[in-house]
Amino acid sequence: MTPLTTLIKKAVCEEYGLTQEELASRRRSRCLSWPRQYAMWLTLKMTSMSLPEVGRHFDRDHTTVIHAKEQVEKRLKGNIELSMRMDRMTKRIEQMVAAQQPSRATAEHFGL
């Protein structure tokens, strides 16, 4: 099963037309840093990871994760388009997670 952080990164990359390498890069241009911040925020929202754990998954310090969280929450206020985009990515991630789960029929067939 693919780790949730990998699915989050994949969904963000698909939404913004980025590669995994671009998302993970040290470059700080807005077209890369904002999606990276969104991925960190989604990771905080969808997992029980601590700030340092999220930072390790993104090869960043926990203070960078704090900054990302604050920036995303500031951008979300009153920005319906961004809110809809985040909802769309969240649903996409949930679909990817569901696709990894064995169906009930398969689980029963294999006695799981």
Protein backbone atom coordinates (compact mmCIF):
# COMPACT_ATOMS: atom_id res chain seq x y z
CA MET A 1 0.00 0.00 0.00
CA THR A 2 1.28 3.45 -0.91
CA PRO A 3 1.89 5.77 2.05
CA LEU A 4 -0.68 8.55 2.38
CA THR A 5 1.99 11.25 2.05
CA THR A 6 2.95 9.84 -1.35
CA LEU A 7 -0.69 9.95 -2.47
CA ILE A 8 -1.02 13.53 -1.24
CA LYS A 9 2.08 14.58 -3.16
CA LYS A 10 0.81 12.77 -6.26
CA ALA A 11 -2.60 14.49 -6.08
CA VAL A 12 -1.03 17.93 -5.65
CA CYS A 13 1.36 17.30 -8.55
CA GLU A 14 -1.55 16.22 -10.76
CA GLU A 15 -3.61 19.26 -9.77
CA TYR A 16 -0.79 21.70 -10.49
CA GLY A 17 0.92 19.91 -13.38
CA LEU A 18 4.16 19.35 -11.50
CA THR A 19 6.55 16.44 -11.22
CA GLN A 20 7.43 14.86 -7.88
CA GLU A 21 10.96 16.21 -8.37
CA GLU A 22 9.69 19.77 -8.81
CA LEU A 23 7.52 19.50 -5.70
CA ALA A 24 10.49 18.18 -3.68
CA SER A 25 12.99 20.68 -5.08
CA ARG A 26 14.61 23.41 -3.02
CA ARG A 27 13.36 26.05 -5.47
CA ARG A 28 11.17 28.70 -3.87
CA SER A 29 9.31 30.14 -6.84
CA ARG A 30 5.62 30.63 -6.12
CA CYS A 31 4.56 28.10 -8.77
CA LEU A 32 6.40 25.44 -6.74
CA SER A 33 6.32 26.70 -3.17
CA TRP A 34 2.56 27.21 -2.99
CA PRO A 35 1.69 23.67 -4.16
CA ARG A 36 4.36 22.35 -1.75
CA GLN A 37 2.69 24.30 1.06
CA TYR A 38 -0.69 22.90 0.02
CA ALA A 39 0.73 19.37 0.16
CA MET A 40 2.12 20.00 3.65
CA TRP A 41 -1.22 21.45 4.80
CA LEU A 42 -3.13 18.47 3.38
CA THR A 43 -0.71 16.13 5.11
CA LEU A 44 -1.37 17.86 8.43
CA LYS A 45 -5.12 17.76 7.78
CA MET A 46 -5.33 14.14 6.61
CA THR A 47 -2.83 12.45 8.93
CA SER A 48 -1.95 12.48 12.60
CA MET A 49 1.68 13.36 11.87
CA SER A 50 3.49 15.91 13.98
CA LEU A 51 5.06 18.99 12.44
CA PRO A 52 8.56 17.45 12.50
CA GLU A 53 7.25 14.25 10.88
CA VAL A 54 5.62 16.22 8.06
CA GLY A 55 8.82 18.19 7.67
CA ARG A 56 10.84 14.98 7.27
CA HIS A 57 8.48 13.74 4.55
CA PHE A 58 9.07 16.96 2.63
CA ASP A 59 12.77 17.25 3.51
CA ARG A 60 12.03 20.48 5.36
CA ASP A 61 12.31 21.79 8.90
CA HIS A 62 9.21 21.80 11.15
CA THR A 63 9.27 25.61 11.14
CA THR A 64 8.75 25.49 7.37
CA VAL A 65 5.69 23.32 7.96
CA ILE A 66 4.37 25.85 10.49
CA HIS A 67 4.88 28.64 7.95
CA ALA A 68 3.16 26.58 5.24
CA LYS A 69 0.16 25.93 7.51
CA GLU A 70 -0.18 29.61 8.37
CA GLN A 71 0.16 30.73 4.75
CA VAL A 72 -2.37 28.22 3.41
CA GLU A 73 -4.91 29.09 6.11
CA LYS A 74 -4.45 32.79 5.33
CA ARG A 75 -4.95 32.16 1.58
CA LEU A 76 -8.02 29.99 2.20
CA LYS A 77 -9.90 32.78 4.00
CA GLY A 78 -12.38 34.17 1.51
CA ASN A 79 -10.82 32.36 -1.46
CA ILE A 80 -13.59 30.12 -2.73
CA GLU A 81 -11.57 28.97 -5.75
CA LEU A 82 -8.71 27.74 -3.54
CA SER A 83 -11.15 26.12 -1.11
CA MET A 84 -12.77 24.25 -3.99
CA ARG A 85 -9.35 23.20 -5.29
CA MET A 86 -8.34 21.88 -1.86
CA ASP A 87 -11.65 20.00 -1.59
CA ARG A 88 -11.05 18.52 -5.05
CA MET A 89 -7.56 17.35 -4.06
CA THR A 90 -8.87 15.93 -0.78
CA LYS A 91 -11.52 13.93 -2.63
CA ARG A 92 -8.93 12.73 -5.16
CA ILE A 93 -6.67 11.54 -2.33
CA GLU A 94 -9.59 9.76 -0.66
CA GLN A 95 -10.38 8.05 -3.99
CA MET A 96 -6.76 6.91 -4.35
CA VAL A 97 -6.82 5.51 -0.81
CA ALA A 98 -10.12 3.72 -1.49
CA ALA A 99 -8.73 2.25 -4.72
CA GLN A 100 -5.94 0.64 -2.68
CA GLN A 101 -8.33 -1.01 -0.25
CA PRO A 102 -9.42 -4.52 -1.19
CA SER A 103 -13.09 -4.62 -2.03
CA ARG A 104 -15.39 -6.29 0.46
CA ALA A 105 -16.02 -9.16 -2.00
CA THR A 106 -12.28 -9.68 -2.49
CA ALA A 107 -11.67 -9.57 1.25
CA GLU A 108 -14.39 -12.15 1.87
CA HIS A 109 -13.11 -14.35 -0.96
CA PHE A 110 -9.61 -14.43 0.56
CA GLY A 111 -10.91 -14.66 4.12
CA LEU A 112 -9.61 -11.24 5.11
